[in-house]
């Protein structure tokens, strides 16, 4: 099974929008983590589009796939937030007062 005709324009479109958003976020915030968020979101969107196209999934399976992946990422976020909470508090307490925002 070959890839759909729409997959390449879809991927380049997602990449272009993500790149523009990353440049804007970096210019406004002067922080790198929003850029990484945009990269991860665009990669996730393209991956889901690829899986939907490659395996020719029905609407219900697509919804189940999106719900399952959302649940996995929510649980991973909660796990890592809880796991690194003490390190975050320790890191924040070591920052000089002038640099805290």
PDB file of N, CA and C in Angstrom:
ATOM      1  N   UNK A   1       0.843  -1.183   0.000  1.00  0.00           N
ATOM      2  CA  UNK A   1       0.000   0.000   0.000  1.00  0.00           C
ATOM      3  C   UNK A   1       0.880   1.235   0.000  1.00  0.00           C
ATOM      4  N   UNK A   2       0.675   2.101  -0.946  1.00  0.00           N
ATOM      5  CA  UNK A   2       1.470   3.318  -1.020  1.00  0.00           C
ATOM      6  C   UNK A   2       0.809   4.418  -0.185  1.00  0.00           C
ATOM      7  N   UNK A   3       1.547   5.456   0.019  1.00  0.00           N
ATOM      8  CA  UNK A   3       1.039   6.576   0.798  1.00  0.00           C
ATOM      9  C   UNK A   3       0.063   7.389  -0.040  1.00  0.00           C
ATOM     10  N   UNK A   4      -0.849   8.060   0.633  1.00  0.00           N
ATOM     11  CA  UNK A   4      -1.827   8.895  -0.054  1.00  0.00           C
ATOM     12  C   UNK A   4      -1.181  10.110  -0.692  1.00  0.00           C
ATOM     13  N   UNK A   5      -1.843  10.638  -1.680  1.00  0.00           N
ATOM     14  CA  UNK A   5      -1.332  11.814  -2.391  1.00  0.00           C
ATOM     15  C   UNK A   5      -1.284  13.036  -1.492  1.00  0.00           C
ATOM     16  N   UNK A   6      -2.056  13.038  -0.414  1.00  0.00           N
ATOM     17  CA  UNK A   6      -2.163  14.204   0.444  1.00  0.00           C
ATOM     18  C   UNK A   6      -1.122  14.220   1.554  1.00  0.00           C
ATOM     19  N   UNK A   7      -0.393  13.111   1.745  1.00  0.00           N
ATOM     20  CA  UNK A   7       0.492  13.012   2.907  1.00  0.00           C
ATOM     21  C   UNK A   7       1.684  13.974   2.815  1.00  0.00           C
ATOM     22  N   UNK A   8       2.302  14.100   1.656  1.00  0.00           N
ATOM     23  CA  UNK A   8       3.451  15.010   1.521  1.00  0.00           C
ATOM     24  C   UNK A   8       3.039  16.475   1.709  1.00  0.00           C
ATOM     25  N   UNK A   9       1.981  16.960   1.034  1.00  0.00           N
ATOM     26  CA  UNK A   9       1.573  18.351   1.300  1.00  0.00           C
ATOM     27  C   UNK A   9       1.131  18.576   2.750  1.00  0.00           C
ATOM     28  N   UNK A  10       0.480  17.565   3.334  1.00  0.00           N
ATOM     29  CA  UNK A  10       0.058  17.648   4.729  1.00  0.00           C
ATOM     30  C   UNK A  10       1.280  17.797   5.636  1.00  0.00           C
ATOM     31  N   UNK A  11       2.295  16.972   5.417  1.00  0.00           N
ATOM     32  CA  UNK A  11       3.508  17.032   6.237  1.00  0.00           C
ATOM     33  C   UNK A  11       4.239  18.359   6.093  1.00  0.00           C
ATOM     34  N   UNK A  12       4.397  18.829   4.850  1.00  0.00           N
ATOM     35  CA  UNK A  12       5.063  20.103   4.634  1.00  0.00           C
ATOM     36  C   UNK A  12       4.237  21.262   5.186  1.00  0.00           C
ATOM     37  N   UNK A  13       2.925  21.163   5.103  1.00  0.00           N
ATOM     38  CA  UNK A  13       2.068  22.209   5.664  1.00  0.00           C
ATOM     39  C   UNK A  13       2.192  22.290   7.171  1.00  0.00           C
ATOM     40  N   UNK A  14       2.150  21.128   7.821  1.00  0.00           N
ATOM     41  CA  UNK A  14       2.312  21.087   9.278  1.00  0.00           C
ATOM     42  C   UNK A  14       3.690  21.614   9.670  1.00  0.00           C
ATOM     43  N   UNK A  15       4.719  21.193   8.917  1.00  0.00           N
ATOM     44  CA  UNK A  15       6.075  21.662   9.204  1.00  0.00           C
ATOM     45  C   UNK A  15       6.176  23.178   9.053  1.00  0.00           C
ATOM     46  N   UNK A  16       5.607  23.723   8.000  1.00  0.00           N
ATOM     47  CA  UNK A  16       5.682  25.169   7.753  1.00  0.00           C
ATOM     48  C   UNK A  16       4.966  25.967   8.832  1.00  0.00           C
ATOM     49  N   UNK A  17       3.762  25.541   9.173  1.00  0.00           N
ATOM     50  CA  UNK A  17       3.010  26.228  10.230  1.00  0.00           C
ATOM     51  C   UNK A  17       3.757  26.125  11.555  1.00  0.00           C
ATOM     52  N   UNK A  18       4.290  24.953  11.856  1.00  0.00           N
ATOM     53  CA  UNK A  18       5.053  24.770  13.089  1.00  0.00           C
ATOM     54  C   UNK A  18       6.306  25.617  13.134  1.00  0.00           C
ATOM     55  N   UNK A  19       7.000  25.714  12.002  1.00  0.00           N
ATOM     56  CA  UNK A  19       8.214  26.526  11.951  1.00  0.00           C
ATOM     57  C   UNK A  19       7.903  28.003  12.162  1.00  0.00           C
ATOM     58  N   UNK A  20       6.860  28.487  11.517  1.00  0.00           N
ATOM     59  CA  UNK A  20       6.467  29.891  11.694  1.00  0.00           C
ATOM     60  C   UNK A  20       6.048  30.154  13.140  1.00  0.00           C
ATOM     61  N   UNK A  21       5.257  29.246  13.709  1.00  0.00           N
ATOM     62  CA  UNK A  21       4.833  29.405  15.112  1.00  0.00           C
ATOM     63  C   UNK A  21       6.029  29.355  16.050  1.00  0.00           C
ATOM     64  N   UNK A  22       6.988  28.466  15.786  1.00  0.00           N
ATOM     65  CA  UNK A  22       8.171  28.370  16.646  1.00  0.00           C
ATOM     66  C   UNK A  22       8.997  29.655  16.585  1.00  0.00           C
ATOM     67  N   UNK A  23       9.153  30.221  15.394  1.00  0.00           N
ATOM     68  CA  UNK A  23       9.905  31.470  15.264  1.00  0.00           C
ATOM     69  C   UNK A  23       9.200  32.596  16.011  1.00  0.00           C
ATOM     70  N   UNK A  24       7.880  32.664  15.891  1.00  0.00           N
ATOM     71  CA  UNK A  24       7.126  33.705  16.593  1.00  0.00           C
ATOM     72  C   UNK A  24       7.229  33.521  18.106  1.00  0.00           C
ATOM     73  N   UNK A  25       7.050  32.287  18.587  1.00  0.00           N
ATOM     74  CA  UNK A  25       7.152  32.039  20.030  1.00  0.00           C
ATOM     75  C   UNK A  25       8.531  32.401  20.556  1.00  0.00           C
ATOM     76  N   UNK A  26       9.578  32.026  19.806  1.00  0.00           N
ATOM     77  CA  UNK A  26      10.930  32.325  20.278  1.00  0.00           C
ATOM     78  C   UNK A  26      11.186  33.829  20.268  1.00  0.00           C
ATOM     79  N   UNK A  27      10.675  34.535  19.263  1.00  0.00           N
ATOM     80  CA  UNK A  27      10.873  35.985  19.194  1.00  0.00           C
ATOM     81  C   UNK A  27      10.142  36.707  20.315  1.00  0.00           C
ATOM     82  N   UNK A  28       8.969  36.214  20.683  1.00  0.00           N
ATOM     83  CA  UNK A  28       8.174  36.874  21.716  1.00  0.00           C
ATOM     84  C   UNK A  28       8.645  36.490  23.113  1.00  0.00           C
ATOM     85  N   UNK A  29       8.816  35.208  23.360  1.00  0.00           N
ATOM     86  CA  UNK A  29       9.103  34.724  24.721  1.00  0.00           C
ATOM     87  C   UNK A  29      10.592  34.692  25.060  1.00  0.00           C
ATOM     88  N   UNK A  30      11.442  34.540  24.044  1.00  0.00           N
ATOM     89  CA  UNK A  30      12.882  34.379  24.252  1.00  0.00           C
ATOM     90  C   UNK A  30      13.187  33.161  25.128  1.00  0.00           C
ATOM     91  N   UNK A  31      12.381  32.138  24.979  1.00  0.00           N
ATOM     92  CA  UNK A  31      12.570  30.877  25.687  1.00  0.00           C
ATOM     93  C   UNK A  31      12.530  29.749  24.662  1.00  0.00           C
ATOM     94  N   UNK A  32      13.207  28.667  24.982  1.00  0.00           N
ATOM     95  CA  UNK A  32      13.295  27.567  24.028  1.00  0.00           C
ATOM     96  C   UNK A  32      12.189  26.531  24.211  1.00  0.00           C
ATOM     97  N   UNK A  33      11.602  26.427  25.403  1.00  0.00           N
ATOM     98  CA  UNK A  33      10.613  25.371  25.632  1.00  0.00           C
ATOM     99  C   UNK A  33       9.348  25.521  24.786  1.00  0.00           C
ATOM    100  N   UNK A  34       8.855  26.739  24.455  1.00  0.00           N
ATOM    101  CA  UNK A  34       7.700  26.788  23.546  1.00  0.00           C
ATOM    102  C   UNK A  34       8.028  26.238  22.158  1.00  0.00           C
ATOM    103  N   UNK A  35       9.268  26.416  21.723  1.00  0.00           N
ATOM    104  CA  UNK A  35       9.689  25.865  20.435  1.00  0.00           C
ATOM    105  C   UNK A  35       9.620  24.339  20.482  1.00  0.00           C
ATOM    106  N   UNK A  36      10.061  23.759  21.571  1.00  0.00           N
ATOM    107  CA  UNK A  36      10.007  22.294  21.704  1.00  0.00           C
ATOM    108  C   UNK A  36       8.566  21.801  21.772  1.00  0.00           C
ATOM    109  N   UNK A  37       7.680  22.556  22.411  1.00  0.00           N
ATOM    110  CA  UNK A  37       6.263  22.189  22.423  1.00  0.00           C
ATOM    111  C   UNK A  37       5.691  22.169  21.011  1.00  0.00           C
ATOM    112  N   UNK A  38       6.017  23.183  20.230  1.00  0.00           N
ATOM    113  CA  UNK A  38       5.517  23.256  18.852  1.00  0.00           C
ATOM    114  C   UNK A  38       6.064  22.099  18.024  1.00  0.00           C
ATOM    115  N   UNK A  39       7.334  21.785  18.193  1.00  0.00           N
ATOM    116  CA  UNK A  39       7.931  20.663  17.459  1.00  0.00           C
ATOM    117  C   UNK A  39       7.245  19.358  17.828  1.00  0.00           C
ATOM    118  N   UNK A  40       6.991  19.146  19.109  1.00  0.00           N
ATOM    119  CA  UNK A  40       6.345  17.893  19.517  1.00  0.00           C
ATOM    120  C   UNK A  40       4.899  17.815  19.025  1.00  0.00           C
ATOM    121  N   UNK A  41       4.189  18.931  19.034  1.00  0.00           N
ATOM    122  CA  UNK A  41       2.805  18.929  18.560  1.00  0.00           C
ATOM    123  C   UNK A  41       2.739  18.659  17.061  1.00  0.00           C
ATOM    124  N   UNK A  42       3.603  19.307  16.290  1.00  0.00           N
ATOM    125  CA  UNK A  42       3.585  19.077  14.843  1.00  0.00           C
ATOM    126  C   UNK A  42       4.009  17.654  14.497  1.00  0.00           C
ATOM    127  N   UNK A  43       4.979  17.115  15.217  1.00  0.00           N
ATOM    128  CA  UNK A  43       5.376  15.723  14.990  1.00  0.00           C
ATOM    129  C   UNK A  43       4.228  14.777  15.315  1.00  0.00           C
ATOM    130  N   UNK A  44       3.516  15.041  16.393  1.00  0.00           N
ATOM    131  CA  UNK A  44       2.377  14.209  16.777  1.00  0.00           C
ATOM    132  C   UNK A  44       1.280  14.265  15.712  1.00  0.00           C
ATOM    133  N   UNK A  45       0.961  15.456  15.222  1.00  0.00           N
ATOM    134  CA  UNK A  45      -0.083  15.594  14.204  1.00  0.00           C
ATOM    135  C   UNK A  45       0.300  14.852  12.934  1.00  0.00           C
ATOM    136  N   UNK A  46       1.553  14.993  12.500  1.00  0.00           N
ATOM    137  CA  UNK A  46       1.982  14.299  11.290  1.00  0.00           C
ATOM    138  C   UNK A  46       1.976  12.785  11.494  1.00  0.00           C
ATOM    139  N   UNK A  47       2.411  12.322  12.655  1.00  0.00           N
ATOM    140  CA  UNK A  47       2.427  10.885  12.925  1.00  0.00           C
ATOM    141  C   UNK A  47       1.020  10.304  12.910  1.00  0.00           C
ATOM    142  N   UNK A  48       0.079  10.988  13.517  1.00  0.00           N
ATOM    143  CA  UNK A  48      -1.309  10.513  13.507  1.00  0.00           C
ATOM    144  C   UNK A  48      -1.848  10.506  12.077  1.00  0.00           C
ATOM    145  N   UNK A  49      -1.546  11.534  11.289  1.00  0.00           N
ATOM    146  CA  UNK A  49      -1.970  11.556   9.894  1.00  0.00           C
ATOM    147  C   UNK A  49      -1.370  10.415   9.101  1.00  0.00           C
ATOM    148  N   UNK A  50      -0.102  10.102   9.357  1.00  0.00           N
ATOM    149  CA  UNK A  50       0.554   9.000   8.665  1.00  0.00           C
ATOM    150  C   UNK A  50      -0.079   7.660   9.030  1.00  0.00           C
ATOM    151  N   UNK A  51      -0.329   7.453  10.316  1.00  0.00           N
ATOM    152  CA  UNK A  51      -0.923   6.179  10.765  1.00  0.00           C
ATOM    153  C   UNK A  51      -2.327   6.020  10.195  1.00  0.00           C
ATOM    154  N   UNK A  52      -3.104   7.087  10.200  1.00  0.00           N
ATOM    155  CA  UNK A  52      -4.456   7.025   9.642  1.00  0.00           C
ATOM    156  C   UNK A  52      -4.393   6.658   8.166  1.00  0.00           C
ATOM    157  N   UNK A  53      -3.476   7.243   7.428  1.00  0.00           N
ATOM    158  CA  UNK A  53      -3.364   6.970   6.002  1.00  0.00           C
ATOM    159  C   UNK A  53      -2.801   5.578   5.737  1.00  0.00           C
ATOM    160  N   UNK A  54      -1.773   5.193   6.447  1.00  0.00           N
ATOM    161  CA  UNK A  54      -1.082   3.938   6.180  1.00  0.00           C
ATOM    162  C   UNK A  54      -1.969   2.730   6.457  1.00  0.00           C
ATOM    163  N   UNK A  55      -2.727   2.769   7.530  1.00  0.00           N
ATOM    164  CA  UNK A  55      -3.519   1.613   7.915  1.00  0.00           C
ATOM    165  C   UNK A  55      -4.982   1.726   7.503  1.00  0.00           C
ATOM    166  N   UNK A  56      -5.353   2.800   6.818  1.00  0.00           N
ATOM    167  CA  UNK A  56      -6.706   2.978   6.294  1.00  0.00           C
ATOM    168  C   UNK A  56      -7.754   2.707   7.386  1.00  0.00           C
ATOM    169  N   UNK A  57      -7.692   3.510   8.431  1.00  0.00           N
ATOM    170  CA  UNK A  57      -8.537   3.305   9.606  1.00  0.00           C
ATOM    171  C   UNK A  57      -9.922   3.929   9.415  1.00  0.00           C
ATOM    172  N   UNK A  58     -10.902   3.340  10.069  1.00  0.00           N
ATOM    173  CA  UNK A  58     -12.255   3.890  10.030  1.00  0.00           C
ATOM    174  C   UNK A  58     -12.375   5.032  11.036  1.00  0.00           C
ATOM    175  N   UNK A  59     -13.513   5.734  11.014  1.00  0.00           N
ATOM    176  CA  UNK A  59     -13.702   6.889  11.901  1.00  0.00           C
ATOM    177  C   UNK A  59     -13.650   6.482  13.372  1.00  0.00           C
ATOM    178  N   UNK A  60     -14.280   5.376  13.720  1.00  0.00           N
ATOM    179  CA  UNK A  60     -14.289   4.955  15.120  1.00  0.00           C
ATOM    180  C   UNK A  60     -12.905   4.551  15.606  1.00  0.00           C
ATOM    181  N   UNK A  61     -12.142   3.878  14.766  1.00  0.00           N
ATOM    182  CA  UNK A  61     -10.783   3.487  15.151  1.00  0.00           C
ATOM    183  C   UNK A  61      -9.891   4.720  15.284  1.00  0.00           C
ATOM    184  N   UNK A  62     -10.092   5.705  14.425  1.00  0.00           N
ATOM    185  CA  UNK A  62      -9.327   6.954  14.519  1.00  0.00           C
ATOM    186  C   UNK A  62      -9.623   7.644  15.846  1.00  0.00           C
ATOM    187  N   UNK A  63     -10.888   7.721  16.218  1.00  0.00           N
ATOM    188  CA  UNK A  63     -11.246   8.337  17.500  1.00  0.00           C
ATOM    189  C   UNK A  63     -10.654   7.562  18.673  1.00  0.00           C
ATOM    190  N   UNK A  64     -10.686   6.241  18.605  1.00  0.00           N
ATOM    191  CA  UNK A  64     -10.088   5.428  19.670  1.00  0.00           C
ATOM    192  C   UNK A  64      -8.576   5.634  19.729  1.00  0.00           C
ATOM    193  N   UNK A  65      -7.924   5.732  18.571  1.00  0.00           N
ATOM    194  CA  UNK A  65      -6.485   5.972  18.531  1.00  0.00           C
ATOM    195  C   UNK A  65      -6.145   7.320  19.154  1.00  0.00           C
ATOM    196  N   UNK A  66      -6.886   8.355  18.817  1.00  0.00           N
ATOM    197  CA  UNK A  66      -6.644   9.679  19.389  1.00  0.00           C
ATOM    198  C   UNK A  66      -6.918   9.698  20.892  1.00  0.00           C
ATOM    199  N   UNK A  67      -7.990   9.047  21.321  1.00  0.00           N
ATOM    200  CA  UNK A  67      -8.302   8.994  22.746  1.00  0.00           C
ATOM    201  C   UNK A  67      -7.226   8.219  23.509  1.00  0.00           C
ATOM    202  N   UNK A  68      -6.777   7.111  22.947  1.00  0.00           N
ATOM    203  CA  UNK A  68      -5.741   6.316  23.606  1.00  0.00           C
ATOM    204  C   UNK A  68      -4.433   7.093  23.710  1.00  0.00           C
ATOM    205  N   UNK A  69      -4.023   7.744  22.610  1.00  0.00           N
ATOM    206  CA  UNK A  69      -2.768   8.493  22.656  1.00  0.00           C
ATOM    207  C   UNK A  69      -2.870   9.681  23.609  1.00  0.00           C
ATOM    208  N   UNK A  70      -4.030  10.326  23.668  1.00  0.00           N
ATOM    209  CA  UNK A  70      -4.218  11.428  24.622  1.00  0.00           C
ATOM    210  C   UNK A  70      -4.108  10.921  26.053  1.00  0.00           C
ATOM    211  N   UNK A  71      -4.720   9.787  26.322  1.00  0.00           N
ATOM    212  CA  UNK A  71      -4.651   9.206  27.662  1.00  0.00           C
ATOM    213  C   UNK A  71      -3.216   8.849  28.039  1.00  0.00           C
ATOM    214  N   UNK A  72      -2.478   8.275  27.103  1.00  0.00           N
ATOM    215  CA  UNK A  72      -1.080   7.927  27.364  1.00  0.00           C
ATOM    216  C   UNK A  72      -0.270   9.174  27.698  1.00  0.00           C
ATOM    217  N   UNK A  73      -0.436  10.245  26.916  1.00  0.00           N
ATOM    218  CA  UNK A  73       0.342  11.455  27.160  1.00  0.00           C
ATOM    219  C   UNK A  73      -0.089  12.162  28.442  1.00  0.00           C
ATOM    220  N   UNK A  74      -1.359  12.121  28.778  1.00  0.00           N
ATOM    221  CA  UNK A  74      -1.812  12.711  30.040  1.00  0.00           C
ATOM    222  C   UNK A  74      -1.205  11.966  31.221  1.00  0.00           C
ATOM    223  N   UNK A  75      -1.236  10.642  31.160  1.00  0.00           N
ATOM    224  CA  UNK A  75      -0.671   9.850  32.250  1.00  0.00           C
ATOM    225  C   UNK A  75       0.841  10.028  32.357  1.00  0.00           C
ATOM    226  N   UNK A  76       1.530  10.105  31.218  1.00  0.00           N
ATOM    227  CA  UNK A  76       2.968  10.366  31.260  1.00  0.00           C
ATOM    228  C   UNK A  76       3.263  11.742  31.845  1.00  0.00           C
ATOM    229  N   UNK A  77       2.474  12.742  31.499  1.00  0.00           N
ATOM    230  CA  UNK A  77       2.664  14.074  32.059  1.00  0.00           C
ATOM    231  C   UNK A  77       2.467  14.103  33.564  1.00  0.00           C
ATOM    232  N   UNK A  78       1.430  13.435  34.041  1.00  0.00           N
ATOM    233  CA  UNK A  78       1.196  13.372  35.485  1.00  0.00           C
ATOM    234  C   UNK A  78       2.315  12.622  36.201  1.00  0.00           C
ATOM    235  N   UNK A  79       2.771  11.536  35.588  1.00  0.00           N
ATOM    236  CA  UNK A  79       3.852  10.754  36.191  1.00  0.00           C
ATOM    237  C   UNK A  79       5.122  11.577  36.318  1.00  0.00           C
ATOM    238  N   UNK A  80       5.529  12.232  35.225  1.00  0.00           N
ATOM    239  CA  UNK A  80       6.769  13.010  35.269  1.00  0.00           C
ATOM    240  C   UNK A  80       6.630  14.252  36.148  1.00  0.00           C
ATOM    241  N   UNK A  81       5.446  14.859  36.200  1.00  0.00           N
ATOM    242  CA  UNK A  81       5.241  16.012  37.081  1.00  0.00           C
ATOM    243  C   UNK A  81       5.393  15.603  38.543  1.00  0.00           C
ATOM    244  N   UNK A  82       4.864  14.453  38.882  1.00  0.00           N
ATOM    245  CA  UNK A  82       4.964  13.967  40.259  1.00  0.00           C
ATOM    246  C   UNK A  82       6.393  13.512  40.569  1.00  0.00           C
ATOM    247  N   UNK A  83       7.032  12.862  39.608  1.00  0.00           N
ATOM    248  CA  UNK A  83       8.371  12.326  39.835  1.00  0.00           C
ATOM    249  C   UNK A  83       9.403  13.427  40.049  1.00  0.00           C
ATOM    250  N   UNK A  84       9.308  14.520  39.307  1.00  0.00           N
ATOM    251  CA  UNK A  84      10.316  15.573  39.375  1.00  0.00           C
ATOM    252  C   UNK A  84       9.880  16.769  40.212  1.00  0.00           C
ATOM    253  N   UNK A  85       8.817  16.640  40.995  1.00  0.00           N
ATOM    254  CA  UNK A  85       8.339  17.751  41.808  1.00  0.00           C
ATOM    255  C   UNK A  85       9.386  18.192  42.833  1.00  0.00           C
ATOM    256  N   UNK A  86      10.017  17.240  43.506  1.00  0.00           N
ATOM    257  CA  UNK A  86      11.014  17.604  44.516  1.00  0.00           C
ATOM    258  C   UNK A  86      12.237  18.257  43.872  1.00  0.00           C
ATOM    259  N   UNK A  87      12.641  17.780  42.708  1.00  0.00           N
ATOM    260  CA  UNK A  87      13.772  18.403  42.025  1.00  0.00           C
ATOM    261  C   UNK A  87      13.441  19.824  41.590  1.00  0.00           C
ATOM    262  N   UNK A  88      12.220  20.050  41.164  1.00  0.00           N
ATOM    263  CA  UNK A  88      11.812  21.392  40.739  1.00  0.00           C
ATOM    264  C   UNK A  88      11.848  22.352  41.920  1.00  0.00           C
ATOM    265  N   UNK A  89      11.320  21.920  43.072  1.00  0.00           N
ATOM    266  CA  UNK A  89      11.326  22.777  44.252  1.00  0.00           C
ATOM    267  C   UNK A  89      12.752  23.062  44.705  1.00  0.00           C
ATOM    268  N   UNK A  90      13.624  22.059  44.626  1.00  0.00           N
ATOM    269  CA  UNK A  90      15.022  22.250  44.998  1.00  0.00           C
ATOM    270  C   UNK A  90      15.712  23.220  44.044  1.00  0.00           C
ATOM    271  N   UNK A  91      15.434  23.085  42.766  1.00  0.00           N
ATOM    272  CA  UNK A  91      16.027  23.978  41.767  1.00  0.00           C
ATOM    273  C   UNK A  91      15.570  25.414  41.966  1.00  0.00           C
ATOM    274  N   UNK A  92      14.273  25.600  42.212  1.00  0.00           N
ATOM    275  CA  UNK A  92      13.735  26.953  42.400  1.00  0.00           C
ATOM    276  C   UNK A  92      14.295  27.591  43.663  1.00  0.00           C
ATOM    277  N   UNK A  93      14.498  26.813  44.699  1.00  0.00           N
ATOM    278  CA  UNK A  93      15.036  27.386  45.933  1.00  0.00           C
ATOM    279  C   UNK A  93      16.501  27.801  45.793  1.00  0.00           C
ATOM    280  N   UNK A  94      17.222  27.245  44.817  1.00  0.00           N
ATOM    281  CA  UNK A  94      18.631  27.602  44.615  1.00  0.00           C
ATOM    282  C   UNK A  94      18.823  28.785  43.673  1.00  0.00           C
ATOM    283  N   UNK A  95      17.773  29.288  43.058  1.00  0.00           N
ATOM    284  CA  UNK A  95      17.893  30.428  42.156  1.00  0.00           C
ATOM    285  C   UNK A  95      18.006  31.702  42.983  1.00  0.00           C
ATOM    286  N   UNK A  96      18.980  32.565  42.635  1.00  0.00           N
ATOM    287  CA  UNK A  96      19.078  33.844  43.359  1.00  0.00           C
ATOM    288  C   UNK A  96      17.798  34.658  43.190  1.00  0.00           C
ATOM    289  N   UNK A  97      17.504  35.487  44.180  1.00  0.00           N
ATOM    290  CA  UNK A  97      16.248  36.234  44.208  1.00  0.00           C
ATOM    291  C   UNK A  97      16.127  37.167  43.016  1.00  0.00           C
ATOM    292  N   UNK A  98      17.208  37.779  42.559  1.00  0.00           N
ATOM    293  CA  UNK A  98      17.147  38.718  41.450  1.00  0.00           C
ATOM    294  C   UNK A  98      16.721  38.048  40.143  1.00  0.00           C
ATOM    295  N   UNK A  99      17.016  36.768  39.973  1.00  0.00           N
ATOM    296  CA  UNK A  99      16.706  36.086  38.718  1.00  0.00           C
ATOM    297  C   UNK A  99      15.316  35.471  38.705  1.00  0.00           C
ATOM    298  N   UNK A 100      14.648  35.379  39.826  1.00  0.00           N
ATOM    299  CA  UNK A 100      13.303  34.807  39.866  1.00  0.00           C
ATOM    300  C   UNK A 100      12.319  35.767  39.223  1.00  0.00           C
ATOM    301  N   UNK A 101      11.340  35.187  38.512  1.00  0.00           N
ATOM    302  CA  UNK A 101      10.346  36.035  37.865  1.00  0.00           C
ATOM    303  C   UNK A 101       8.974  35.657  38.317  1.00  0.00           C
TER     304      UNK A 101
END
